[in-house]
């Protein structure tokens, strides 16, 4: 069913307003393990997010195609819901450049490159397994509604993930990184792989940490996990329901004055770039935290109406972000390691982030992995340990911030952070 006929059918069935978010993804994936090709796949998928008003009630539905059954489901949901909530529907057409046709994805060259990169493992007897992932994703988001609005935005992403398994006597260590870029050249797959192999080999030799407070460097990968939970703390829904430790903290200084957190979906150099959110609200660059002061919560249309505020353009199914990141500082990671002199460099964490980081209290207790730093240099890995802190202590004890931001997902990115005086305990399982 075409969109025009879908809207005509909706009108005949008494649906007053209807808005469709059409999301088209063109994806290519390669997985190569020790010369064996595990995956080579190119796919195209379109899905639809629909919201509509029937009998003065707004309801939502998700579908892989448009037909009368979707409209009947909307009507049934409206009849049986007790909520009288009425949403807003776009009337203004956001100015955006015309989007061309969906580009084809071809990965023959990338497969050849991965095969060449796989040969590098032959130079390192310590490597027992090398898996190389490459993916290319083109995504277009189009919003069409019964008010005549028809707008679109798109992004093109490239991802490289090397996973290295190192054998040290009777123990194996796995080390992987995620590289997500908006241009293929920026992946720099060979150099990133070489760097990761060296780190994997160093991490294979481990020492047990003493239980005490350490000065630490938190890698951007780990900070992105923490910031993903920070989104829930910023959610206007959780604030209204008093389910966030940031409730009542607006316009108060709660973190280090070195900390500024920005969301900028308008920056095309970052992977979450989009002209508007899934509700059609125009996105803008905004400071969420400035010099340690919390400046705003995050709203979608529903929460904005509920609390008599304006939507902040964070309606992505649920309240979320695109291109949220900690503003970078001045020092490189190597300079930060030298500055740290003695401490630990946390490169990974494990566990359910929803339970390890509590949005209600801000408490953090996560299993961590990484390296011991001695005399300003990486010495070796450390046995899995537990970092216990709070979001307030962690982001208040910042000493230095790395001079570049990295992303491994569209929602959040981060530099590495040098942080003082954080409690680390040896894992009970060790």
Protein backbone atom coordinates (compact mmCIF):
# COMPACT_ATOMS: atom_id res chain seq x y z
CA UNK A 1 0.00 0.00 0.00
CA UNK A 2 1.37 3.43 -0.93
CA UNK A 3 1.56 6.18 1.66
CA UNK A 4 -1.14 8.21 -0.13
CA UNK A 5 -3.61 5.33 -0.12
CA UNK A 6 -2.69 4.60 3.53
CA UNK A 7 -3.61 8.17 4.51
CA UNK A 8 -6.86 8.02 2.49
CA UNK A 9 -7.87 4.76 4.19
CA UNK A 10 -7.08 6.32 7.57
CA UNK A 11 -9.33 9.30 6.81
CA UNK A 12 -12.21 7.02 5.76
CA UNK A 13 -11.90 5.11 9.04
CA UNK A 14 -12.26 8.31 11.07
CA UNK A 15 -8.61 8.78 12.00
CA UNK A 16 -8.14 12.56 12.25
CA UNK A 17 -4.38 12.87 12.37
CA UNK A 18 -1.79 10.34 11.28
CA UNK A 19 1.99 10.57 11.05
CA UNK A 20 4.40 7.96 9.71
CA UNK A 21 8.13 7.69 10.35
CA UNK A 22 9.59 5.57 7.55
CA UNK A 23 13.06 4.20 8.40
CA UNK A 24 15.02 2.55 5.61
CA UNK A 25 18.31 0.79 6.34
CA UNK A 26 20.74 -0.52 3.77
CA UNK A 27 23.33 -2.65 5.57
CA UNK A 28 26.40 -4.67 4.63
CA UNK A 29 28.26 -6.96 7.04
CA UNK A 30 31.48 -8.99 6.87
CA UNK A 31 32.91 -11.27 9.54
CA UNK A 32 36.26 -12.96 8.97
CA UNK A 33 37.79 -15.34 11.53
CA UNK A 34 41.29 -16.76 10.96
CA UNK A 35 40.91 -16.51 7.14
CA UNK A 36 37.44 -18.13 7.28
CA UNK A 37 34.57 -16.01 5.96
CA UNK A 38 31.80 -16.34 8.54
CA UNK A 39 29.45 -13.64 7.23
CA UNK A 40 29.05 -11.70 4.00
CA UNK A 41 25.61 -10.14 3.87
CA UNK A 42 23.93 -7.15 2.25
CA UNK A 43 20.35 -6.37 3.25
CA UNK A 44 17.72 -3.67 2.90
CA UNK A 45 14.90 -3.19 5.39
CA UNK A 46 12.13 -0.62 5.81
CA UNK A 47 10.08 -0.20 8.98
CA UNK A 48 7.37 2.21 10.06
CA UNK A 49 6.56 4.02 13.28
CA UNK A 50 2.98 5.30 13.21
CA UNK A 51 1.11 7.61 15.55
CA UNK A 52 -2.50 8.54 14.97
CA UNK A 53 -5.42 10.28 16.66
CA UNK A 54 -8.74 8.47 16.94
CA UNK A 55 -11.65 9.41 19.18
CA UNK A 56 -9.52 12.19 20.74
CA UNK A 57 -6.81 9.73 21.77
CA UNK A 58 -3.32 9.38 20.35
CA UNK A 59 -1.89 5.88 20.04
CA UNK A 60 1.24 4.45 18.42
CA UNK A 61 2.12 1.36 16.41
CA UNK A 62 5.17 -0.21 14.77
CA UNK A 63 4.99 -2.17 11.52
CA UNK A 64 7.15 -3.63 8.76
CA UNK A 65 4.57 -2.68 6.13
CA UNK A 66 1.49 -0.48 5.75
CA UNK A 67 -1.98 -1.95 5.26
CA UNK A 68 -5.52 -1.74 6.65
CA UNK A 69 -4.65 -4.10 9.49
CA UNK A 70 -2.31 -1.46 10.92
CA UNK A 71 -5.14 1.09 10.89
CA UNK A 72 -7.50 -1.39 12.53
CA UNK A 73 -4.91 -2.04 15.23
CA UNK A 74 -4.62 1.70 15.88
CA UNK A 75 -8.40 2.04 16.22
CA UNK A 76 -8.58 -0.98 18.56
CA UNK A 77 -5.80 0.42 20.76
CA UNK A 78 -7.56 3.80 20.92
CA UNK A 79 -10.87 2.20 21.87
CA UNK A 80 -9.34 0.16 24.69
CA UNK A 81 -6.96 2.74 26.17
CA UNK A 82 -8.07 4.88 29.11
CA UNK A 83 -5.65 7.68 28.24
CA UNK A 84 -7.06 10.82 26.66
CA UNK A 85 -3.59 11.95 25.64
CA UNK A 86 -3.48 14.01 22.44
CA UNK A 87 -0.11 14.39 20.73
CA UNK A 88 1.17 17.12 18.43
CA UNK A 89 1.51 16.60 14.69
CA UNK A 90 3.94 18.43 12.46
CA UNK A 91 2.61 21.30 10.42
CA UNK A 92 5.84 23.12 9.56
CA UNK A 93 8.13 21.70 6.93
CA UNK A 94 11.68 21.70 8.29
CA UNK A 95 14.19 23.08 5.81
CA UNK A 96 16.52 20.28 4.82
CA UNK A 97 18.46 19.36 1.72
CA UNK A 98 16.86 16.96 -0.70
CA UNK A 99 17.93 13.38 -0.09
CA UNK A 100 19.03 11.42 -3.14
CA UNK A 101 18.49 7.77 -3.91
CA UNK A 102 19.68 5.10 -1.50
CA UNK A 103 23.32 4.32 -2.34
CA UNK A 104 24.22 0.70 -3.17
CA UNK A 105 26.57 -1.09 -0.77
CA UNK A 106 29.47 -2.98 -2.33
CA UNK A 107 32.04 -4.67 -0.09
CA UNK A 108 34.39 -6.63 -2.36
CA UNK A 109 37.28 -4.23 -1.67
CA UNK A 110 36.63 -4.36 2.06
CA UNK A 111 36.66 -8.16 2.04
CA UNK A 112 40.04 -8.14 0.25
CA UNK A 113 41.37 -5.66 2.80
CA UNK A 114 40.18 -7.77 5.74
CA UNK A 115 41.91 -10.82 4.27
CA UNK A 116 45.17 -8.86 4.06
CA UNK A 117 44.72 -7.63 7.63
CA UNK A 118 44.12 -11.20 8.78
CA UNK A 119 47.63 -12.11 7.59
CA UNK A 120 49.10 -9.84 10.27
CA UNK A 121 48.27 -12.41 12.97
CA UNK A 122 50.93 -14.71 11.47
CA UNK A 123 53.55 -12.28 12.82
CA UNK A 124 52.33 -12.75 16.40
CA UNK A 125 52.54 -16.23 17.87
CA UNK A 126 50.60 -15.02 20.93
CA UNK A 127 47.40 -14.58 18.89
CA UNK A 128 45.23 -17.69 18.97
CA UNK A 129 42.22 -16.15 17.28
CA UNK A 130 41.55 -13.03 15.23
CA UNK A 131 38.06 -11.97 14.19
CA UNK A 132 37.55 -8.93 11.99
CA UNK A 133 34.12 -7.31 11.61
CA UNK A 134 33.26 -4.68 9.05
CA UNK A 135 29.87 -3.12 8.44
CA UNK A 136 28.47 -0.29 6.38
CA UNK A 137 25.10 1.22 7.19
CA UNK A 138 23.05 3.77 5.28
CA UNK A 139 19.93 4.95 7.12
CA UNK A 140 17.23 7.29 5.90
CA UNK A 141 14.49 8.65 8.14
CA UNK A 142 11.46 10.15 6.43
CA UNK A 143 8.42 11.68 8.19
CA UNK A 144 5.14 12.03 6.33
CA UNK A 145 1.80 13.06 7.79
CA UNK A 146 -1.76 14.01 6.95
CA UNK A 147 -0.87 17.73 7.19
CA UNK A 148 1.21 17.49 4.03
CA UNK A 149 4.57 17.33 5.79
CA UNK A 150 7.20 15.23 3.99
CA UNK A 151 10.75 15.63 5.33
CA UNK A 152 13.81 13.40 5.36
CA UNK A 153 17.27 13.09 6.89
CA UNK A 154 19.97 10.46 6.41
CA UNK A 155 23.35 9.22 7.62
CA UNK A 156 26.06 6.89 6.30
CA UNK A 157 28.20 4.96 8.80
CA UNK A 158 31.22 2.66 8.66
CA UNK A 159 32.19 0.32 11.49
CA UNK A 160 35.29 -1.79 12.17
CA UNK A 161 35.66 -4.18 15.13
CA UNK A 162 38.81 -6.26 15.61
CA UNK A 163 38.52 -8.98 18.27
CA UNK A 164 41.85 -10.44 19.35
CA UNK A 165 42.27 -13.55 21.52
CA UNK A 166 45.72 -14.00 23.06
CA UNK A 167 46.94 -17.25 24.63
CA UNK A 168 49.22 -16.90 27.67
CA UNK A 169 50.11 -20.32 29.11
CA UNK A 170 46.74 -21.83 30.13
CA UNK A 171 44.80 -18.54 30.05
CA UNK A 172 43.19 -16.68 27.18
CA UNK A 173 42.49 -12.97 27.01
CA UNK A 174 40.06 -11.30 24.63
CA UNK A 175 40.48 -7.68 23.58
CA UNK A 176 38.25 -5.76 21.18
CA UNK A 177 37.52 -2.18 20.15
CA UNK A 178 34.67 -0.61 18.18
CA UNK A 179 35.47 2.06 15.59
CA UNK A 180 32.50 3.96 14.16
CA UNK A 181 33.03 6.71 11.58
CA UNK A 182 31.10 8.76 9.04
CA UNK A 183 33.76 8.28 6.35
CA UNK A 184 35.41 5.00 5.38
CA UNK A 185 38.92 6.45 5.29
CA UNK A 186 38.73 7.52 8.94
CA UNK A 187 38.43 3.90 10.07
CA UNK A 188 42.19 3.49 9.45
CA UNK A 189 41.72 -0.26 9.92
CA UNK A 190 45.36 -1.35 9.66
CA UNK A 191 46.74 1.11 12.20
CA UNK A 192 43.89 0.48 14.62
CA UNK A 193 44.39 -3.28 14.35
CA UNK A 194 48.13 -2.99 14.98
CA UNK A 195 47.53 -0.84 18.04
CA UNK A 196 44.91 -3.24 19.39
CA UNK A 197 47.16 -6.28 18.91
CA UNK A 198 49.87 -4.63 21.02
CA UNK A 199 47.34 -3.79 23.73
CA UNK A 200 45.90 -7.33 23.68
CA UNK A 201 49.36 -8.87 24.14
CA UNK A 202 50.16 -6.52 27.04
CA UNK A 203 46.85 -7.29 28.72
CA UNK A 204 47.46 -11.05 28.56
CA UNK A 205 49.94 -10.71 31.46
CA UNK A 206 47.91 -9.77 34.54
CA UNK A 207 48.49 -8.80 38.14
CA UNK A 208 45.96 -8.65 40.93
CA UNK A 209 45.08 -5.17 42.19
CA UNK A 210 45.07 -4.24 45.84
CA UNK A 211 41.73 -3.06 47.20
CA UNK A 212 42.12 0.68 47.66
CA UNK A 213 41.51 4.05 46.02
CA UNK A 214 43.31 4.68 42.73
CA UNK A 215 43.87 7.53 40.35
CA UNK A 216 42.46 6.19 37.09
CA UNK A 217 42.05 6.82 33.40
CA UNK A 218 38.67 5.71 32.09
CA UNK A 219 38.74 4.85 28.41
CA UNK A 220 36.17 6.41 26.10
CA UNK A 221 34.61 2.95 25.61
CA UNK A 222 33.75 2.68 29.31
CA UNK A 223 32.64 6.31 29.56
CA UNK A 224 30.18 5.69 26.74
CA UNK A 225 28.55 2.92 28.80
CA UNK A 226 28.27 5.27 31.76
CA UNK A 227 26.91 8.13 29.64
CA UNK A 228 24.30 5.80 28.14
CA UNK A 229 22.89 5.42 31.66
CA UNK A 230 23.26 9.15 32.23
CA UNK A 231 20.62 9.61 29.50
CA UNK A 232 18.09 7.80 31.71
CA UNK A 233 18.99 10.13 34.58
CA UNK A 234 18.33 13.13 32.32
CA UNK A 235 15.01 11.79 31.00
CA UNK A 236 12.13 14.15 31.84
CA UNK A 237 9.94 11.07 32.38
CA UNK A 238 12.22 9.75 35.12
CA UNK A 239 12.55 13.24 36.58
CA UNK A 240 8.73 13.62 36.75
CA UNK A 241 8.36 10.19 38.32
CA UNK A 242 11.15 10.97 40.82
CA UNK A 243 13.15 8.02 39.51
CA UNK A 244 16.37 9.93 38.80
CA UNK A 245 19.17 11.10 41.06
CA UNK A 246 19.22 14.34 39.02
CA UNK A 247 15.72 15.34 40.13
CA UNK A 248 15.90 18.80 41.71
CA UNK A 249 19.44 19.41 40.44
CA UNK A 250 18.65 21.70 37.50
CA UNK A 251 20.87 24.82 37.34
CA UNK A 252 22.98 23.52 40.23
CA UNK A 253 26.70 22.77 40.17
CA UNK A 254 26.94 19.04 40.74
CA UNK A 255 30.07 18.02 38.79
CA UNK A 256 33.62 19.25 38.15
CA UNK A 257 33.84 22.67 36.52
CA UNK A 258 36.02 20.92 33.91
CA UNK A 259 32.96 18.97 32.71
CA UNK A 260 30.79 20.18 29.84
CA UNK A 261 28.43 17.72 28.15
CA UNK A 262 27.04 18.64 24.74
CA UNK A 263 24.46 17.09 22.45
CA UNK A 264 24.87 18.09 18.81
CA UNK A 265 22.85 16.06 16.28
CA UNK A 266 23.57 18.81 13.73
CA UNK A 267 27.27 17.85 13.47
CA UNK A 268 27.62 15.68 10.35
CA UNK A 269 31.11 14.57 11.41
CA UNK A 270 29.61 12.50 14.23
CA UNK A 271 27.61 9.30 13.61
CA UNK A 272 24.30 10.36 15.19
CA UNK A 273 23.74 13.31 12.87
CA UNK A 274 20.06 13.97 12.14
CA UNK A 275 18.05 17.08 11.23
CA UNK A 276 15.12 16.06 13.44
CA UNK A 277 14.15 13.43 15.98
CA UNK A 278 11.67 10.62 15.33
CA UNK A 279 8.79 12.97 16.17
CA UNK A 280 9.93 15.59 13.66
CA UNK A 281 11.19 18.10 16.22
CA UNK A 282 14.13 20.00 14.79
CA UNK A 283 17.41 19.08 16.49
CA UNK A 284 19.82 21.71 17.81
CA UNK A 285 23.19 21.85 19.53
CA UNK A 286 22.74 22.24 23.28
CA UNK A 287 24.79 22.21 26.46
CA UNK A 288 23.34 19.66 28.88
CA UNK A 289 26.01 20.27 31.50
CA UNK A 290 28.16 23.43 31.39
CA UNK A 291 31.18 23.81 33.66
CA UNK A 292 29.68 21.25 36.02
CA UNK A 293 26.22 22.88 36.13
CA UNK A 294 23.20 20.85 34.95
CA UNK A 295 21.47 23.06 32.36
CA UNK A 296 18.59 20.99 30.98
CA UNK A 297 16.62 17.77 31.16
CA UNK A 298 15.65 15.91 27.99
CA UNK A 299 12.09 16.04 26.63
CA UNK A 300 10.08 14.42 23.89
CA UNK A 301 6.73 15.90 22.83
CA UNK A 302 4.67 13.92 25.34
CA UNK A 303 6.77 14.89 28.35
CA UNK A 304 7.02 18.48 27.17
CA UNK A 305 3.20 18.73 27.05
CA UNK A 306 2.92 16.97 30.40
CA UNK A 307 5.29 19.43 32.09
CA UNK A 308 4.43 22.58 30.10
CA UNK A 309 7.88 22.71 28.52
CA UNK A 310 9.24 22.66 24.98
CA UNK A 311 10.48 19.44 23.42
CA UNK A 312 14.29 19.36 23.33
CA UNK A 313 14.23 17.16 20.22
CA UNK A 314 15.02 13.94 22.08
CA UNK A 315 12.08 11.81 20.97
CA UNK A 316 13.58 8.61 19.55
CA UNK A 317 10.87 6.11 20.47
CA UNK A 318 11.91 6.76 24.05
CA UNK A 319 13.79 9.79 25.35
CA UNK A 320 17.35 9.45 24.10
CA UNK A 321 20.18 11.39 22.47
CA UNK A 322 22.19 11.62 19.27
CA UNK A 323 25.81 12.79 19.33
CA UNK A 324 25.93 13.49 23.07
CA UNK A 325 29.53 13.78 24.23
CA UNK A 326 31.86 15.18 26.86
CA UNK A 327 33.63 18.26 25.56
CA UNK A 328 37.29 17.34 24.90
CA UNK A 329 40.27 18.81 26.76
CA UNK A 330 43.86 19.48 25.73
CA UNK A 331 45.99 16.37 26.37
CA UNK A 332 46.44 13.23 24.29
CA UNK A 333 45.90 9.81 25.86
CA UNK A 334 49.68 9.22 25.96
CA UNK A 335 50.15 12.54 27.77
CA UNK A 336 47.41 11.61 30.23
CA UNK A 337 49.12 8.27 30.96
CA UNK A 338 52.36 10.14 31.65
CA UNK A 339 50.47 12.59 33.88
CA UNK A 340 48.85 9.73 35.79
CA UNK A 341 52.32 8.22 36.40
CA UNK A 342 51.01 5.45 38.69
CA UNK A 343 47.46 4.12 38.66
CA UNK A 344 45.21 2.12 36.36
CA UNK A 345 43.79 2.53 32.87
CA UNK A 346 40.27 1.05 32.60
CA UNK A 347 39.55 -0.07 29.04
CA UNK A 348 36.44 -2.23 29.38
CA UNK A 349 33.62 -3.16 31.71
CA UNK A 350 31.11 -5.97 31.99
CA UNK A 351 27.68 -6.55 33.44
CA UNK A 352 24.20 -5.21 32.94
CA UNK A 353 24.54 -1.45 32.88
CA UNK A 354 20.92 -1.09 34.03
CA UNK A 355 21.76 -2.74 37.36
CA UNK A 356 25.45 -1.79 37.66
CA UNK A 357 24.59 1.92 37.35
CA UNK A 358 21.53 2.93 39.35
CA UNK A 359 19.65 5.90 37.87
CA UNK A 360 17.71 6.46 41.11
CA UNK A 361 20.75 6.82 43.37
CA UNK A 362 23.63 7.42 40.95
CA UNK A 363 25.54 4.51 42.51
CA UNK A 364 28.00 2.71 40.20
CA UNK A 365 29.42 -0.77 40.80
CA UNK A 366 30.85 -2.39 37.67
CA UNK A 367 33.37 -5.08 36.84
CA UNK A 368 36.32 -3.53 35.08
CA UNK A 369 39.28 -4.64 32.94
CA UNK A 370 42.39 -2.80 31.85
CA UNK A 371 46.02 -2.01 32.57
CA UNK A 372 48.35 -1.08 35.41
CA UNK A 373 50.28 2.14 34.83
CA UNK A 374 53.74 2.49 36.41
CA UNK A 375 56.10 5.42 35.93
CA UNK A 376 53.88 6.85 33.22
CA UNK A 377 53.83 3.69 31.09
CA UNK A 378 51.53 0.72 30.58
CA UNK A 379 53.04 -2.18 32.56
CA UNK A 380 50.57 -5.06 32.16
CA UNK A 381 46.94 -5.96 32.56
CA UNK A 382 45.11 -6.41 35.85
CA UNK A 383 42.78 -9.18 36.97
CA UNK A 384 39.04 -8.35 36.71
CA UNK A 385 38.14 -5.93 39.52
CA UNK A 386 35.19 -3.89 40.76
CA UNK A 387 34.92 -0.10 40.55
CA UNK A 388 32.58 1.36 43.16
CA UNK A 389 31.65 5.04 43.03
CA UNK A 390 28.76 7.37 42.21
CA UNK A 391 28.04 9.42 39.12
CA UNK A 392 28.59 12.53 41.27
CA UNK A 393 31.99 11.45 42.63
CA UNK A 394 33.17 10.17 39.25
CA UNK A 395 32.33 13.35 37.37
CA UNK A 396 33.48 15.65 40.18
CA UNK A 397 36.99 14.15 40.53
CA UNK A 398 38.04 14.89 36.93
CA UNK A 399 41.65 16.06 36.55
CA UNK A 400 42.14 15.88 32.78
CA UNK A 401 40.07 15.22 29.66
CA UNK A 402 41.51 13.77 26.45
CA UNK A 403 41.71 16.04 23.41
CA UNK A 404 39.54 13.91 21.11
CA UNK A 405 36.05 12.40 21.17
CA UNK A 406 35.36 8.87 19.93
CA UNK A 407 32.02 7.21 19.23
CA UNK A 408 31.05 3.54 19.08
CA UNK A 409 27.32 4.26 18.92
CA UNK A 410 25.14 7.05 17.58
CA UNK A 411 23.75 8.18 20.93
CA UNK A 412 26.91 8.97 22.92
CA UNK A 413 30.64 9.53 22.55
CA UNK A 414 33.41 10.52 24.92
CA UNK A 415 37.09 11.29 25.36
CA UNK A 416 39.14 9.39 27.94
CA UNK A 417 39.02 10.92 31.44
CA UNK A 418 41.73 11.13 34.12
CA UNK A 419 39.97 10.88 37.49
CA UNK A 420 41.37 10.96 41.03
CA UNK A 421 40.66 8.84 44.08
CA UNK A 422 38.18 6.13 43.00
CA UNK A 423 37.62 2.89 44.95
CA UNK A 424 38.72 -0.31 43.19
CA UNK A 425 38.36 -3.77 44.74
CA UNK A 426 39.65 -7.16 43.62
CA UNK A 427 36.82 -9.23 42.19
CA UNK A 428 35.38 -11.81 44.59
CA UNK A 429 35.64 -14.37 41.81
CA UNK A 430 39.40 -14.05 41.71
